Amino acid sequence: LATSQTNGETSQPSLLDVQSTPSRSQQINALSRVQD
């Protein structure tokens, strides 16, 4: 929900856009955040 910053560019993703599949950079972020 929060504003994210990708390579210096600010974007505001919409909750209505969750049908689209994640970009590869989003996958990297998600996988790098995981912890036990």
PDB file of all heavy atoms in Angstrom:
ATOM      1  N   LEU A   1       0.822  -1.208   0.000  1.00  0.00           N
ATOM      2  CA  LEU A   1       0.000   0.000   0.000  1.00  0.00           C
ATOM      3  C   LEU A   1       0.854   1.255   0.000  1.00  0.00           C
ATOM      4  O   LEU A   1       0.481   2.276  -0.554  1.00  0.00           O
ATOM      5  CB  LEU A   1      -0.901   0.012   1.235  1.00  0.00           C
ATOM      6  CG  LEU A   1      -2.178  -0.824   1.148  1.00  0.00           C
ATOM      7  CD1 LEU A   1      -2.880  -0.823   2.485  1.00  0.00           C
ATOM      8  CD2 LEU A   1      -3.093  -0.300   0.061  1.00  0.00           C
ATOM      9  N   ALA A   2       2.025   1.164   0.646  1.00  0.00           N
ATOM     10  CA  ALA A   2       2.860   2.354   0.786  1.00  0.00           C
ATOM     11  C   ALA A   2       3.513   2.706  -0.540  1.00  0.00           C
ATOM     12  O   ALA A   2       3.672   1.883  -1.436  1.00  0.00           O
ATOM     13  CB  ALA A   2       3.927   2.116   1.848  1.00  0.00           C
ATOM     14  N   THR A   3       3.903   3.975  -0.674  1.00  0.00           N
ATOM     15  CA  THR A   3       4.597   4.427  -1.871  1.00  0.00           C
ATOM     16  C   THR A   3       5.965   3.755  -1.920  1.00  0.00           C
ATOM     17  O   THR A   3       6.703   3.739  -0.948  1.00  0.00           O
ATOM     18  CB  THR A   3       4.770   5.945  -1.835  1.00  0.00           C
ATOM     19  OG1 THR A   3       3.480   6.524  -1.701  1.00  0.00           O
ATOM     20  CG2 THR A   3       5.442   6.450  -3.103  1.00  0.00           C
ATOM     21  N   SER A   4       6.290   3.176  -3.046  1.00  0.00           N
ATOM     22  CA  SER A   4       7.577   2.492  -3.192  1.00  0.00           C
ATOM     23  C   SER A   4       8.468   3.281  -4.124  1.00  0.00           C
ATOM     24  O   SER A   4       8.004   4.036  -4.971  1.00  0.00           O
ATOM     25  CB  SER A   4       7.367   1.078  -3.741  1.00  0.00           C
ATOM     26  OG  SER A   4       6.729   1.142  -4.997  1.00  0.00           O
ATOM     27  N   GLN A   5       9.758   3.089  -3.980  1.00  0.00           N
ATOM     28  CA  GLN A   5      10.724   3.818  -4.782  1.00  0.00           C
ATOM     29  C   GLN A   5      11.581   2.824  -5.528  1.00  0.00           C
ATOM     30  O   GLN A   5      12.243   1.986  -4.936  1.00  0.00           O
ATOM     31  CB  GLN A   5      11.594   4.700  -3.883  1.00  0.00           C
ATOM     32  CG  GLN A   5      12.561   5.575  -4.675  1.00  0.00           C
ATOM     33  CD  GLN A   5      13.296   6.527  -3.764  1.00  0.00           C
ATOM     34  OE1 GLN A   5      13.047   6.539  -2.572  1.00  0.00           O
ATOM     35  NE2 GLN A   5      14.207   7.300  -4.302  1.00  0.00           N
ATOM     36  N   THR A   6      11.536   2.878  -6.848  1.00  0.00           N
ATOM     37  CA  THR A   6      12.274   1.946  -7.690  1.00  0.00           C
ATOM     38  C   THR A   6      13.286   2.720  -8.518  1.00  0.00           C
ATOM     39  O   THR A   6      12.906   3.508  -9.387  1.00  0.00           O
ATOM     40  CB  THR A   6      11.326   1.188  -8.622  1.00  0.00           C
ATOM     41  OG1 THR A   6      10.263   0.657  -7.842  1.00  0.00           O
ATOM     42  CG2 THR A   6      12.055   0.084  -9.360  1.00  0.00           C
ATOM     43  N   ASN A   7      14.564   2.479  -8.225  1.00  0.00           N
ATOM     44  CA  ASN A   7      15.631   3.135  -8.972  1.00  0.00           C
ATOM     45  C   ASN A   7      15.447   4.653  -9.010  1.00  0.00           C
ATOM     46  O   ASN A   7      15.596   5.303 -10.045  1.00  0.00           O
ATOM     47  CB  ASN A   7      15.710   2.582 -10.407  1.00  0.00           C
ATOM     48  CG  ASN A   7      16.133   1.136 -10.422  1.00  0.00           C
ATOM     49  OD1 ASN A   7      16.799   0.680  -9.505  1.00  0.00           O
ATOM     50  ND2 ASN A   7      15.754   0.404 -11.459  1.00  0.00           N
ATOM     51  N   GLY A   8      15.017   5.202  -7.898  1.00  0.00           N
ATOM     52  CA  GLY A   8      14.883   6.646  -7.818  1.00  0.00           C
ATOM     53  C   GLY A   8      13.546   7.180  -8.259  1.00  0.00           C
ATOM     54  O   GLY A   8      13.254   8.354  -8.096  1.00  0.00           O
ATOM     55  N   GLU A   9      12.684   6.350  -8.853  1.00  0.00           N
ATOM     56  CA  GLU A   9      11.384   6.805  -9.318  1.00  0.00           C
ATOM     57  C   GLU A   9      10.325   6.397  -8.312  1.00  0.00           C
ATOM     58  O   GLU A   9      10.298   5.280  -7.830  1.00  0.00           O
ATOM     59  CB  GLU A   9      11.061   6.188 -10.686  1.00  0.00           C
ATOM     60  CG  GLU A   9      12.048   6.616 -11.762  1.00  0.00           C
ATOM     61  CD  GLU A   9      11.688   6.000 -13.098  1.00  0.00           C
ATOM     62  OE1 GLU A   9      10.653   5.320 -13.168  1.00  0.00           O
ATOM     63  OE2 GLU A   9      12.435   6.206 -14.063  1.00  0.00           O
ATOM     64  N   THR A  10       9.421   7.325  -8.009  1.00  0.00           N
ATOM     65  CA  THR A  10       8.372   7.068  -7.036  1.00  0.00           C
ATOM     66  C   THR A  10       7.108   6.633  -7.750  1.00  0.00           C
ATOM     67  O   THR A  10       6.711   7.232  -8.746  1.00  0.00           O
ATOM     68  CB  THR A  10       8.092   8.332  -6.208  1.00  0.00           C
ATOM     69  OG1 THR A  10       9.303   8.743  -5.590  1.00  0.00           O
ATOM     70  CG2 THR A  10       7.039   8.052  -5.145  1.00  0.00           C
ATOM     71  N   SER A  11       6.486   5.579  -7.219  1.00  0.00           N
ATOM     72  CA  SER A  11       5.242   5.094  -7.823  1.00  0.00           C
ATOM     73  C   SER A  11       4.270   4.744  -6.709  1.00  0.00           C
ATOM     74  O   SER A  11       4.672   4.426  -5.597  1.00  0.00           O
ATOM     75  CB  SER A  11       5.495   3.865  -8.708  1.00  0.00           C
ATOM     76  OG  SER A  11       6.020   2.831  -7.923  1.00  0.00           O
ATOM     77  N   GLN A  12       2.983   4.776  -7.013  1.00  0.00           N
ATOM     78  CA  GLN A  12       1.942   4.453  -6.036  1.00  0.00           C
ATOM     79  C   GLN A  12       1.114   3.312  -6.593  1.00  0.00           C
ATOM     80  O   GLN A  12       0.185   3.520  -7.360  1.00  0.00           O
ATOM     81  CB  GLN A  12       1.047   5.682  -5.796  1.00  0.00           C
ATOM     82  CG  GLN A  12      -0.063   5.436  -4.777  1.00  0.00           C
ATOM     83  CD  GLN A  12       0.474   5.414  -3.371  1.00  0.00           C
ATOM     84  OE1 GLN A  12       1.412   6.102  -3.056  1.00  0.00           O
ATOM     85  NE2 GLN A  12      -0.125   4.622  -2.508  1.00  0.00           N
ATOM     86  N   PRO A  13       1.445   2.049  -6.260  1.00  0.00           N
ATOM     87  CA  PRO A  13       0.673   0.940  -6.805  1.00  0.00           C
ATOM     88  C   PRO A  13      -0.739   0.936  -6.249  1.00  0.00           C
ATOM     89  O   PRO A  13      -0.967   1.312  -5.112  1.00  0.00           O
ATOM     90  CB  PRO A  13       1.453  -0.298  -6.345  1.00  0.00           C
ATOM     91  CG  PRO A  13       2.276   0.163  -5.205  1.00  0.00           C
ATOM     92  CD  PRO A  13       2.509   1.622  -5.366  1.00  0.00           C
ATOM     93  N   SER A  14      -1.651   0.480  -7.064  1.00  0.00           N
ATOM     94  CA  SER A  14      -3.057   0.446  -6.663  1.00  0.00           C
ATOM     95  C   SER A  14      -3.445  -0.954  -6.233  1.00  0.00           C
ATOM     96  O   SER A  14      -2.982  -1.944  -6.788  1.00  0.00           O
ATOM     97  CB  SER A  14      -3.934   0.881  -7.839  1.00  0.00           C
ATOM     98  OG  SER A  14      -5.279   0.611  -7.563  1.00  0.00           O
ATOM     99  N   LEU A  15      -4.330  -1.042  -5.241  1.00  0.00           N
ATOM    100  CA  LEU A  15      -4.818  -2.348  -4.794  1.00  0.00           C
ATOM    101  C   LEU A  15      -5.638  -3.018  -5.863  1.00  0.00           C
ATOM    102  O   LEU A  15      -5.790  -4.230  -5.880  1.00  0.00           O
ATOM    103  CB  LEU A  15      -5.664  -2.171  -3.533  1.00  0.00           C
ATOM    104  CG  LEU A  15      -4.961  -2.456  -2.211  1.00  0.00           C
ATOM    105  CD1 LEU A  15      -5.924  -2.255  -1.081  1.00  0.00           C
ATOM    106  CD2 LEU A  15      -4.377  -3.841  -2.179  1.00  0.00           C
ATOM    107  N   LEU A  16      -6.205  -2.220  -6.782  1.00  0.00           N
ATOM    108  CA  LEU A  16      -7.033  -2.813  -7.828  1.00  0.00           C
ATOM    109  C   LEU A  16      -6.193  -3.496  -8.878  1.00  0.00           C
ATOM    110  O   LEU A  16      -6.715  -4.186  -9.737  1.00  0.00           O
ATOM    111  CB  LEU A  16      -7.896  -1.715  -8.484  1.00  0.00           C
ATOM    112  CG  LEU A  16      -8.842  -0.988  -7.528  1.00  0.00           C
ATOM    113  CD1 LEU A  16      -9.568   0.124  -8.268  1.00  0.00           C
ATOM    114  CD2 LEU A  16      -9.840  -1.959  -6.929  1.00  0.00           C
ATOM    115  N   ASP A  17      -4.885  -3.277  -8.820  1.00  0.00           N
ATOM    116  CA  ASP A  17      -4.019  -3.820  -9.856  1.00  0.00           C
ATOM    117  C   ASP A  17      -3.354  -5.106  -9.418  1.00  0.00           C
ATOM    118  O   ASP A  17      -2.346  -5.519  -9.961  1.00  0.00           O
ATOM    119  CB  ASP A  17      -2.945  -2.783 -10.218  1.00  0.00           C
ATOM    120  CG  ASP A  17      -2.226  -3.143 -11.505  1.00  0.00           C
ATOM    121  OD1 ASP A  17      -2.878  -3.712 -12.381  1.00  0.00           O
ATOM    122  OD2 ASP A  17      -1.022  -2.845 -11.614  1.00  0.00           O
ATOM    123  N   VAL A  18      -3.914  -5.806  -8.421  1.00  0.00           N
ATOM    124  CA  VAL A  18      -3.250  -6.985  -7.888  1.00  0.00           C
ATOM    125  C   VAL A  18      -3.386  -8.190  -8.789  1.00  0.00           C
ATOM    126  O   VAL A  18      -2.768  -9.203  -8.564  1.00  0.00           O
ATOM    127  CB  VAL A  18      -3.803  -7.337  -6.489  1.00  0.00           C
ATOM    128  CG1 VAL A  18      -3.400  -6.301  -5.496  1.00  0.00           C
ATOM    129  CG2 VAL A  18      -5.305  -7.475  -6.542  1.00  0.00           C
ATOM    130  N   GLN A  19      -4.204  -8.108  -9.848  1.00  0.00           N
ATOM    131  CA  GLN A  19      -4.326  -9.261 -10.732  1.00  0.00           C
ATOM    132  C   GLN A  19      -3.078  -9.459 -11.568  1.00  0.00           C
ATOM    133  O   GLN A  19      -2.774 -10.549 -11.987  1.00  0.00           O
ATOM    134  CB  GLN A  19      -5.528  -9.092 -11.661  1.00  0.00           C
ATOM    135  CG  GLN A  19      -6.852  -9.189 -10.935  1.00  0.00           C
ATOM    136  CD  GLN A  19      -8.007  -9.205 -11.898  1.00  0.00           C
ATOM    137  OE1 GLN A  19      -7.813  -9.333 -13.094  1.00  0.00           O
ATOM    138  NE2 GLN A  19      -9.203  -9.093 -11.387  1.00  0.00           N
ATOM    139  N   SER A  20      -2.355  -8.375 -11.815  1.00  0.00           N
ATOM    140  CA  SER A  20      -1.162  -8.515 -12.641  1.00  0.00           C
ATOM    141  C   SER A  20      -0.094  -9.258 -11.866  1.00  0.00           C
ATOM    142  O   SER A  20      -0.006  -9.172 -10.643  1.00  0.00           O
ATOM    143  CB  SER A  20      -0.644  -7.134 -13.046  1.00  0.00           C
ATOM    144  OG  SER A  20      -0.339  -6.392 -11.899  1.00  0.00           O
ATOM    145  N   THR A  21       0.732  -9.987 -12.581  1.00  0.00           N
ATOM    146  CA  THR A  21       1.782 -10.761 -11.933  1.00  0.00           C
ATOM    147  C   THR A  21       2.919  -9.842 -11.521  1.00  0.00           C
ATOM    148  O   THR A  21       3.095  -8.769 -12.088  1.00  0.00           O
ATOM    149  CB  THR A  21       2.319 -11.832 -12.886  1.00  0.00           C
ATOM    150  OG1 THR A  21       2.705 -11.183 -14.092  1.00  0.00           O
ATOM    151  CG2 THR A  21       1.275 -12.861 -13.171  1.00  0.00           C
ATOM    152  N   PRO A  22       3.709 -10.225 -10.532  1.00  0.00           N
ATOM    153  CA  PRO A  22       4.736  -9.320 -10.016  1.00  0.00           C
ATOM    154  C   PRO A  22       5.877  -9.155 -10.991  1.00  0.00           C
ATOM    155  O   PRO A  22       6.205 -10.065 -11.759  1.00  0.00           O
ATOM    156  CB  PRO A  22       5.201 -10.028  -8.740  1.00  0.00           C
ATOM    157  CG  PRO A  22       4.948 -11.456  -9.011  1.00  0.00           C
ATOM    158  CD  PRO A  22       3.703 -11.500  -9.857  1.00  0.00           C
ATOM    159  N   SER A  23       6.469  -7.967 -10.960  1.00  0.00           N
ATOM    160  CA  SER A  23       7.669  -7.775 -11.753  1.00  0.00           C
ATOM    161  C   SER A  23       8.825  -8.509 -11.085  1.00  0.00           C
ATOM    162  O   SER A  23       8.771  -8.859  -9.917  1.00  0.00           O
ATOM    163  CB  SER A  23       7.993  -6.283 -11.866  1.00  0.00           C
ATOM    164  OG  SER A  23       8.297  -5.778 -10.584  1.00  0.00           O
ATOM    165  N   ARG A  24       9.886  -8.681 -11.830  1.00  0.00           N
ATOM    166  CA  ARG A  24      11.010  -9.444 -11.276  1.00  0.00           C
ATOM    167  C   ARG A  24      11.659  -8.682 -10.125  1.00  0.00           C
ATOM    168  O   ARG A  24      12.142  -9.274  -9.163  1.00  0.00           O
ATOM    169  CB  ARG A  24      12.020  -9.731 -12.376  1.00  0.00           C
ATOM    170  CG  ARG A  24      11.421 -10.525 -13.515  1.00  0.00           C
ATOM    171  CD  ARG A  24      12.379 -10.700 -14.650  1.00  0.00           C
ATOM    172  NE  ARG A  24      13.421 -11.636 -14.304  1.00  0.00           N
ATOM    173  CZ  ARG A  24      14.475 -11.857 -15.070  1.00  0.00           C
ATOM    174  NH1 ARG A  24      14.603 -11.230 -16.196  1.00  0.00           N
ATOM    175  NH2 ARG A  24      15.400 -12.717 -14.708  1.00  0.00           N
ATOM    176  N   SER A  25      11.659  -7.357 -10.207  1.00  0.00           N
ATOM    177  CA  SER A  25      12.247  -6.596  -9.105  1.00  0.00           C
ATOM    178  C   SER A  25      11.422  -6.747  -7.837  1.00  0.00           C
ATOM    179  O   SER A  25      11.952  -6.791  -6.733  1.00  0.00           O
ATOM    180  CB  SER A  25      12.359  -5.122  -9.489  1.00  0.00           C
ATOM    181  OG  SER A  25      11.092  -4.608  -9.833  1.00  0.00           O
ATOM    182  N   GLN A  26      10.076  -6.857  -7.977  1.00  0.00           N
ATOM    183  CA  GLN A  26       9.243  -7.086  -6.814  1.00  0.00           C
ATOM    184  C   GLN A  26       9.546  -8.444  -6.186  1.00  0.00           C
ATOM    185  O   GLN A  26       9.550  -8.596  -4.962  1.00  0.00           O
ATOM    186  CB  GLN A  26       7.763  -7.018  -7.197  1.00  0.00           C
ATOM    187  CG  GLN A  26       7.263  -5.609  -7.426  1.00  0.00           C
ATOM    188  CD  GLN A  26       5.825  -5.616  -7.897  1.00  0.00           C
ATOM    189  OE1 GLN A  26       5.431  -6.449  -8.701  1.00  0.00           O
ATOM    190  NE2 GLN A  26       5.049  -4.690  -7.399  1.00  0.00           N
ATOM    191  N   GLN A  27       9.792  -9.435  -7.049  1.00  0.00           N
ATOM    192  CA  GLN A  27      10.105 -10.763  -6.526  1.00  0.00           C
ATOM    193  C   GLN A  27      11.417 -10.738  -5.743  1.00  0.00           C
ATOM    194  O   GLN A  27      11.542 -11.363  -4.689  1.00  0.00           O
ATOM    195  CB  GLN A  27      10.198 -11.760  -7.672  1.00  0.00           C
ATOM    196  CG  GLN A  27       8.858 -12.007  -8.355  1.00  0.00           C
ATOM    197  CD  GLN A  27       9.027 -12.813  -9.606  1.00  0.00           C
ATOM    198  OE1 GLN A  27      10.125 -13.228  -9.928  1.00  0.00           O
ATOM    199  NE2 GLN A  27       7.950 -13.040 -10.315  1.00  0.00           N
ATOM    200  N   ILE A  28      12.401  -9.989  -6.254  1.00  0.00           N
ATOM    201  CA  ILE A  28      13.679  -9.899  -5.549  1.00  0.00           C
ATOM    202  C   ILE A  28      13.458  -9.294  -4.174  1.00  0.00           C
ATOM    203  O   ILE A  28      13.951  -9.786  -3.161  1.00  0.00           O
ATOM    204  CB  ILE A  28      14.671  -9.011  -6.328  1.00  0.00           C
ATOM    205  CG1 ILE A  28      14.925  -9.600  -7.710  1.00  0.00           C
ATOM    206  CG2 ILE A  28      15.970  -8.850  -5.583  1.00  0.00           C
ATOM    207  CD1 ILE A  28      15.551  -8.614  -8.630  1.00  0.00           C
ATOM    208  N   ASN A  29      12.680  -8.210  -4.146  1.00  0.00           N
ATOM    209  CA  ASN A  29      12.447  -7.534  -2.879  1.00  0.00           C
ATOM    210  C   ASN A  29      11.755  -8.462  -1.892  1.00  0.00           C
ATOM    211  O   ASN A  29      12.115  -8.543  -0.726  1.00  0.00           O
ATOM    212  CB  ASN A  29      11.595  -6.292  -3.134  1.00  0.00           C
ATOM    213  CG  ASN A  29      11.298  -5.530  -1.856  1.00  0.00           C
ATOM    214  OD1 ASN A  29      12.208  -5.315  -1.070  1.00  0.00           O
ATOM    215  ND2 ASN A  29      10.055  -5.148  -1.649  1.00  0.00           N
ATOM    216  N   ALA A  30      10.734  -9.185  -2.397  1.00  0.00           N
ATOM    217  CA  ALA A  30       9.984 -10.071  -1.509  1.00  0.00           C
ATOM    218  C   ALA A  30      10.878 -11.182  -0.968  1.00  0.00           C
ATOM    219  O   ALA A  30      10.812 -11.535   0.205  1.00  0.00           O
ATOM    220  CB  ALA A  30       8.797 -10.667  -2.256  1.00  0.00           C
ATOM    221  N   LEU A  31      11.730 -11.722  -1.850  1.00  0.00           N
ATOM    222  CA  LEU A  31      12.564 -12.834  -1.414  1.00  0.00           C
ATOM    223  C   LEU A  31      13.693 -12.381  -0.494  1.00  0.00           C
ATOM    224  O   LEU A  31      14.148 -13.125   0.358  1.00  0.00           O
ATOM    225  CB  LEU A  31      13.138 -13.546  -2.633  1.00  0.00           C
ATOM    226  CG  LEU A  31      12.090 -14.289  -3.450  1.00  0.00           C
ATOM    227  CD1 LEU A  31      12.684 -14.730  -4.772  1.00  0.00           C
ATOM    228  CD2 LEU A  31      11.594 -15.496  -2.688  1.00  0.00           C
ATOM    229  N   SER A  32      14.139 -11.138  -0.670  1.00  0.00           N
ATOM    230  CA  SER A  32      15.225 -10.665   0.186  1.00  0.00           C
ATOM    231  C   SER A  32      14.728 -10.256   1.557  1.00  0.00           C
ATOM    232  O   SER A  32      15.507 -10.114   2.479  1.00  0.00           O
ATOM    233  CB  SER A  32      15.932  -9.484  -0.480  1.00  0.00           C
ATOM    234  OG  SER A  32      15.013  -8.420  -0.655  1.00  0.00           O
ATOM    235  N   ARG A  33      13.402 -10.049   1.695  1.00  0.00           N
ATOM    236  CA  ARG A  33      12.861  -9.616   2.978  1.00  0.00           C
ATOM    237  C   ARG A  33      12.571 -10.773   3.910  1.00  0.00           C
ATOM    238  O   ARG A  33      12.398 -10.576   5.106  1.00  0.00           O
ATOM    239  CB  ARG A  33      11.553  -8.852   2.751  1.00  0.00           C
ATOM    240  CG  ARG A  33      11.749  -7.488   2.139  1.00  0.00           C
ATOM    241  CD  ARG A  33      10.469  -6.699   2.253  1.00  0.00           C
ATOM    242  NE  ARG A  33       9.352  -7.387   1.654  1.00  0.00           N
ATOM    243  CZ  ARG A  33       8.728  -6.983   0.563  1.00  0.00           C
ATOM    244  NH1 ARG A  33       9.128  -5.906  -0.059  1.00  0.00           N
ATOM    245  NH2 ARG A  33       7.698  -7.653   0.087  1.00  0.00           N
ATOM    246  N   VAL A  34      12.462 -11.991   3.365  1.00  0.00           N
ATOM    247  CA  VAL A  34      11.972 -13.083   4.189  1.00  0.00           C
ATOM    248  C   VAL A  34      12.963 -13.427   5.286  1.00  0.00           C
ATOM    249  O   VAL A  34      14.167 -13.334   5.116  1.00  0.00           O
ATOM    250  CB  VAL A  34      11.694 -14.335   3.322  1.00  0.00           C
ATOM    251  CG1 VAL A  34      10.597 -14.055   2.351  1.00  0.00           C
ATOM    252  CG2 VAL A  34      12.934 -14.785   2.599  1.00  0.00           C
ATOM    253  N   GLN A  35      12.457 -13.830   6.423  1.00  0.00           N
ATOM    254  CA  GLN A  35      13.297 -14.201   7.553  1.00  0.00           C
ATOM    255  C   GLN A  35      12.578 -15.261   8.358  1.00  0.00           C
ATOM    256  O   GLN A  35      11.372 -15.407   8.282  1.00  0.00           O
ATOM    257  CB  GLN A  35      13.590 -12.985   8.418  1.00  0.00           C
ATOM    258  CG  GLN A  35      12.306 -12.261   8.876  1.00  0.00           C
ATOM    259  CD  GLN A  35      12.627 -11.001   9.630  1.00  0.00           C
ATOM    260  OE1 GLN A  35      13.766 -10.788   9.982  1.00  0.00           O
ATOM    261  NE2 GLN A  35      11.629 -10.187   9.878  1.00  0.00           N
ATOM    262  N   ASP A  36      13.318 -16.019   9.127  1.00  0.00           N
ATOM    263  CA  ASP A  36      12.744 -17.114   9.907  1.00  0.00           C
ATOM    264  C   ASP A  36      12.012 -16.573  11.122  1.00  0.00           C
ATOM    265  O   ASP A  36      12.618 -15.995  12.009  1.00  0.00           O
ATOM    266  CB  ASP A  36      13.858 -18.063  10.378  1.00  0.00           C
ATOM    267  CG  ASP A  36      13.972 -19.246   9.453  1.00  0.00           C
ATOM    268  OD1 ASP A  36      12.947 -19.594   8.861  1.00  0.00           O
ATOM    269  OD2 ASP A  36      15.079 -19.795   9.350  1.00  0.00           O
TER     270      ASP A  36
END
